[in-house]
């Protein structure tokens, strides 16, 4: 059985700033690639920067 390395990204997104959020995602992807990560998961809606509040 082949191993699969999974990574979880924690991104500080900015509400509505998709371009900057995308740049942050791409930086995480490049870092994960350099670490040999096969699958990288991001928080839901992190590109749009939407955050749930209590």
PDB file of N, CA and C in Angstrom:
ATOM      1  N   UNK A   1       0.834  -1.174   0.000  1.00  0.00           N
ATOM      2  CA  UNK A   1       0.000   0.000   0.000  1.00  0.00           C
ATOM      3  C   UNK A   1       0.890   1.252   0.000  1.00  0.00           C
ATOM      4  N   UNK A   2       0.597   2.172  -0.893  1.00  0.00           N
ATOM      5  CA  UNK A   2       1.361   3.412  -1.004  1.00  0.00           C
ATOM      6  C   UNK A   2       0.865   4.436   0.014  1.00  0.00           C
ATOM      7  N   UNK A   3       1.796   5.153   0.626  1.00  0.00           N
ATOM      8  CA  UNK A   3       1.430   6.167   1.612  1.00  0.00           C
ATOM      9  C   UNK A   3       1.032   7.462   0.913  1.00  0.00           C
ATOM     10  N   UNK A   4       0.104   8.171   1.550  1.00  0.00           N
ATOM     11  CA  UNK A   4      -0.362   9.457   1.056  1.00  0.00           C
ATOM     12  C   UNK A   4      -0.187  10.478   2.176  1.00  0.00           C
ATOM     13  N   UNK A   5       0.570  11.528   1.915  1.00  0.00           N
ATOM     14  CA  UNK A   5       0.804  12.570   2.927  1.00  0.00           C
ATOM     15  C   UNK A   5      -0.254  13.655   2.769  1.00  0.00           C
ATOM     16  N   UNK A   6      -0.943  13.947   3.865  1.00  0.00           N
ATOM     17  CA  UNK A   6      -2.017  14.933   3.869  1.00  0.00           C
ATOM     18  C   UNK A   6      -1.605  16.122   4.720  1.00  0.00           C
ATOM     19  N   UNK A   7      -1.849  17.318   4.207  1.00  0.00           N
ATOM     20  CA  UNK A   7      -1.541  18.545   4.945  1.00  0.00           C
ATOM     21  C   UNK A   7      -2.796  19.364   5.164  1.00  0.00           C
ATOM     22  N   UNK A   8      -2.815  20.106   6.250  1.00  0.00           N
ATOM     23  CA  UNK A   8      -3.921  21.007   6.568  1.00  0.00           C
ATOM     24  C   UNK A   8      -3.371  22.423   6.636  1.00  0.00           C
ATOM     25  N   UNK A   9      -3.962  23.325   5.878  1.00  0.00           N
ATOM     26  CA  UNK A   9      -3.500  24.711   5.854  1.00  0.00           C
ATOM     27  C   UNK A   9      -4.391  25.572   6.740  1.00  0.00           C
ATOM     28  N   UNK A  10      -3.756  26.420   7.520  1.00  0.00           N
ATOM     29  CA  UNK A  10      -4.485  27.404   8.309  1.00  0.00           C
ATOM     30  C   UNK A  10      -4.143  28.763   7.712  1.00  0.00           C
ATOM     31  N   UNK A  11      -5.147  29.419   7.141  1.00  0.00           N
ATOM     32  CA  UNK A  11      -4.932  30.648   6.390  1.00  0.00           C
ATOM     33  C   UNK A  11      -5.626  31.811   7.090  1.00  0.00           C
ATOM     34  N   UNK A  12      -4.894  32.911   7.270  1.00  0.00           N
ATOM     35  CA  UNK A  12      -5.510  34.137   7.789  1.00  0.00           C
ATOM     36  C   UNK A  12      -6.033  34.911   6.580  1.00  0.00           C
ATOM     37  N   UNK A  13      -7.306  34.680   6.244  1.00  0.00           N
ATOM     38  CA  UNK A  13      -7.914  35.300   5.071  1.00  0.00           C
ATOM     39  C   UNK A  13      -8.497  36.660   5.419  1.00  0.00           C
ATOM     40  N   UNK A  14      -8.585  37.505   4.400  1.00  0.00           N
ATOM     41  CA  UNK A  14      -9.193  38.818   4.554  1.00  0.00           C
ATOM     42  C   UNK A  14     -10.525  38.833   3.815  1.00  0.00           C
ATOM     43  N   UNK A  15     -11.564  39.302   4.463  1.00  0.00           N
ATOM     44  CA  UNK A  15     -12.912  39.309   3.902  1.00  0.00           C
ATOM     45  C   UNK A  15     -12.945  40.040   2.559  1.00  0.00           C
ATOM     46  N   UNK A  16     -13.385  39.333   1.523  1.00  0.00           N
ATOM     47  CA  UNK A  16     -13.574  39.910   0.203  1.00  0.00           C
ATOM     48  C   UNK A  16     -12.304  40.183  -0.588  1.00  0.00           C
ATOM     49  N   UNK A  17     -11.148  39.872  -0.057  1.00  0.00           N
ATOM     50  CA  UNK A  17      -9.886  40.152  -0.733  1.00  0.00           C
ATOM     51  C   UNK A  17      -9.371  38.868  -1.391  1.00  0.00           C
ATOM     52  N   UNK A  18     -10.065  38.462  -2.439  1.00  0.00           N
ATOM     53  CA  UNK A  18      -9.793  37.171  -3.079  1.00  0.00           C
ATOM     54  C   UNK A  18      -8.371  37.108  -3.636  1.00  0.00           C
ATOM     55  N   UNK A  19      -7.888  38.187  -4.223  1.00  0.00           N
ATOM     56  CA  UNK A  19      -6.544  38.173  -4.826  1.00  0.00           C
ATOM     57  C   UNK A  19      -5.470  37.884  -3.778  1.00  0.00           C
ATOM     58  N   UNK A  20      -5.498  38.607  -2.658  1.00  0.00           N
ATOM     59  CA  UNK A  20      -4.504  38.363  -1.605  1.00  0.00           C
ATOM     60  C   UNK A  20      -4.689  36.988  -0.976  1.00  0.00           C
ATOM     61  N   UNK A  21      -5.945  36.580  -0.800  1.00  0.00           N
ATOM     62  CA  UNK A  21      -6.214  35.258  -0.239  1.00  0.00           C
ATOM     63  C   UNK A  21      -5.685  34.167  -1.166  1.00  0.00           C
ATOM     64  N   UNK A  22      -5.856  34.363  -2.470  1.00  0.00           N
ATOM     65  CA  UNK A  22      -5.339  33.396  -3.441  1.00  0.00           C
ATOM     66  C   UNK A  22      -3.813  33.321  -3.364  1.00  0.00           C
ATOM     67  N   UNK A  23      -3.163  34.472  -3.241  1.00  0.00           N
ATOM     68  CA  UNK A  23      -1.700  34.478  -3.115  1.00  0.00           C
ATOM     69  C   UNK A  23      -1.253  33.690  -1.883  1.00  0.00           C
ATOM     70  N   UNK A  24      -1.975  33.831  -0.780  1.00  0.00           N
ATOM     71  CA  UNK A  24      -1.652  33.081   0.439  1.00  0.00           C
ATOM     72  C   UNK A  24      -1.839  31.584   0.207  1.00  0.00           C
ATOM     73  N   UNK A  25      -2.919  31.217  -0.490  1.00  0.00           N
ATOM     74  CA  UNK A  25      -3.168  29.809  -0.791  1.00  0.00           C
ATOM     75  C   UNK A  25      -2.042  29.241  -1.658  1.00  0.00           C
ATOM     76  N   UNK A  26      -1.654  29.994  -2.671  1.00  0.00           N
ATOM     77  CA  UNK A  26      -0.591  29.524  -3.564  1.00  0.00           C
ATOM     78  C   UNK A  26       0.729  29.343  -2.818  1.00  0.00           C
ATOM     79  N   UNK A  27       1.011  30.227  -1.868  1.00  0.00           N
ATOM     80  CA  UNK A  27       2.229  30.079  -1.061  1.00  0.00           C
ATOM     81  C   UNK A  27       2.162  28.804  -0.223  1.00  0.00           C
ATOM     82  N   UNK A  28       0.988  28.512   0.345  1.00  0.00           N
ATOM     83  CA  UNK A  28       0.816  27.273   1.114  1.00  0.00           C
ATOM     84  C   UNK A  28       0.988  26.049   0.209  1.00  0.00           C
ATOM     85  N   UNK A  29       0.468  26.137  -1.003  1.00  0.00           N
ATOM     86  CA  UNK A  29       0.577  25.020  -1.949  1.00  0.00           C
ATOM     87  C   UNK A  29       2.045  24.767  -2.307  1.00  0.00           C
ATOM     88  N   UNK A  30       2.792  25.815  -2.577  1.00  0.00           N
ATOM     89  CA  UNK A  30       4.213  25.658  -2.901  1.00  0.00           C
ATOM     90  C   UNK A  30       4.982  25.054  -1.731  1.00  0.00           C
ATOM     91  N   UNK A  31       4.682  25.515  -0.520  1.00  0.00           N
ATOM     92  CA  UNK A  31       5.349  24.967   0.678  1.00  0.00           C
ATOM     93  C   UNK A  31       5.009  23.491   0.837  1.00  0.00           C
ATOM     94  N   UNK A  32       3.731  23.160   0.666  1.00  0.00           N
ATOM     95  CA  UNK A  32       3.310  21.763   0.791  1.00  0.00           C
ATOM     96  C   UNK A  32       4.004  20.895  -0.256  1.00  0.00           C
ATOM     97  N   UNK A  33       4.111  21.410  -1.461  1.00  0.00           N
ATOM     98  CA  UNK A  33       4.784  20.663  -2.536  1.00  0.00           C
ATOM     99  C   UNK A  33       6.235  20.387  -2.161  1.00  0.00           C
ATOM    100  N   UNK A  34       6.905  21.393  -1.583  1.00  0.00           N
ATOM    101  CA  UNK A  34       8.311  21.214  -1.209  1.00  0.00           C
ATOM    102  C   UNK A  34       8.476  20.217  -0.063  1.00  0.00           C
ATOM    103  N   UNK A  35       7.415  20.018   0.717  1.00  0.00           N
ATOM    104  CA  UNK A  35       7.447  19.067   1.832  1.00  0.00           C
ATOM    105  C   UNK A  35       6.951  17.674   1.440  1.00  0.00           C
ATOM    106  N   UNK A  36       6.568  17.512   0.173  1.00  0.00           N
ATOM    107  CA  UNK A  36       6.103  16.213  -0.296  1.00  0.00           C
ATOM    108  C   UNK A  36       4.669  15.889   0.074  1.00  0.00           C
ATOM    109  N   UNK A  37       3.867  16.918   0.326  1.00  0.00           N
ATOM    110  CA  UNK A  37       2.452  16.708   0.661  1.00  0.00           C
ATOM    111  C   UNK A  37       1.701  16.327  -0.614  1.00  0.00           C
ATOM    112  N   UNK A  38       0.859  15.287  -0.533  1.00  0.00           N
ATOM    113  CA  UNK A  38       0.076  14.833  -1.682  1.00  0.00           C
ATOM    114  C   UNK A  38      -1.281  15.523  -1.768  1.00  0.00           C
ATOM    115  N   UNK A  39      -1.905  15.758  -0.623  1.00  0.00           N
ATOM    116  CA  UNK A  39      -3.222  16.401  -0.554  1.00  0.00           C
ATOM    117  C   UNK A  39      -3.138  17.517   0.480  1.00  0.00           C
ATOM    118  N   UNK A  40      -3.583  18.712   0.102  1.00  0.00           N
ATOM    119  CA  UNK A  40      -3.575  19.850   1.018  1.00  0.00           C
ATOM    120  C   UNK A  40      -4.998  20.375   1.152  1.00  0.00           C
ATOM    121  N   UNK A  41      -5.502  20.428   2.370  1.00  0.00           N
ATOM    122  CA  UNK A  41      -6.868  20.891   2.628  1.00  0.00           C
ATOM    123  C   UNK A  41      -6.841  22.306   3.196  1.00  0.00           C
ATOM    124  N   UNK A  42      -7.776  23.122   2.712  1.00  0.00           N
ATOM    125  CA  UNK A  42      -7.938  24.498   3.176  1.00  0.00           C
ATOM    126  C   UNK A  42      -9.291  24.644   3.864  1.00  0.00           C
ATOM    127  N   UNK A  43      -9.419  25.644   4.743  1.00  0.00           N
ATOM    128  CA  UNK A  43     -10.720  25.891   5.363  1.00  0.00           C
ATOM    129  C   UNK A  43     -11.756  26.293   4.307  1.00  0.00           C
ATOM    130  N   UNK A  44     -12.985  25.889   4.548  1.00  0.00           N
ATOM    131  CA  UNK A  44     -14.083  26.253   3.662  1.00  0.00           C
ATOM    132  C   UNK A  44     -14.203  27.774   3.593  1.00  0.00           C
ATOM    133  N   UNK A  45     -14.408  28.307   2.416  1.00  0.00           N
ATOM    134  CA  UNK A  45     -14.597  29.742   2.161  1.00  0.00           C
ATOM    135  C   UNK A  45     -13.366  30.596   2.462  1.00  0.00           C
ATOM    136  N   UNK A  46     -12.196  29.985   2.586  1.00  0.00           N
ATOM    137  CA  UNK A  46     -11.004  30.773   2.901  1.00  0.00           C
ATOM    138  C   UNK A  46     -10.567  31.666   1.739  1.00  0.00           C
ATOM    139  N   UNK A  47     -10.929  31.330   0.516  1.00  0.00           N
ATOM    140  CA  UNK A  47     -10.598  32.217  -0.606  1.00  0.00           C
ATOM    141  C   UNK A  47     -11.387  33.520  -0.533  1.00  0.00           C
ATOM    142  N   UNK A  48     -12.660  33.414  -0.168  1.00  0.00           N
ATOM    143  CA  UNK A  48     -13.502  34.609  -0.056  1.00  0.00           C
ATOM    144  C   UNK A  48     -13.229  35.368   1.236  1.00  0.00           C
ATOM    145  N   UNK A  49     -12.620  34.698   2.197  1.00  0.00           N
ATOM    146  CA  UNK A  49     -12.309  35.343   3.463  1.00  0.00           C
ATOM    147  C   UNK A  49     -13.469  35.401   4.426  1.00  0.00           C
ATOM    148  N   UNK A  50     -14.516  34.643   4.135  1.00  0.00           N
ATOM    149  CA  UNK A  50     -15.690  34.662   5.006  1.00  0.00           C
ATOM    150  C   UNK A  50     -15.380  33.945   6.312  1.00  0.00           C
ATOM    151  N   UNK A  51     -15.686  34.576   7.435  1.00  0.00           N
ATOM    152  CA  UNK A  51     -15.463  33.993   8.757  1.00  0.00           C
ATOM    153  C   UNK A  51     -16.771  33.942   9.527  1.00  0.00           C
ATOM    154  N   UNK A  52     -17.008  32.837  10.192  1.00  0.00           N
ATOM    155  CA  UNK A  52     -18.190  32.737  11.054  1.00  0.00           C
ATOM    156  C   UNK A  52     -17.892  33.408  12.380  1.00  0.00           C
ATOM    157  N   UNK A  53     -18.843  34.131  12.884  1.00  0.00           N
ATOM    158  CA  UNK A  53     -18.696  34.798  14.179  1.00  0.00           C
ATOM    159  C   UNK A  53     -19.703  34.208  15.153  1.00  0.00           C
ATOM    160  N   UNK A  54     -19.338  34.194  16.433  1.00  0.00           N
ATOM    161  CA  UNK A  54     -20.268  33.736  17.470  1.00  0.00           C
ATOM    162  C   UNK A  54     -21.286  34.811  17.776  1.00  0.00           C
TER     163      UNK A  54
END
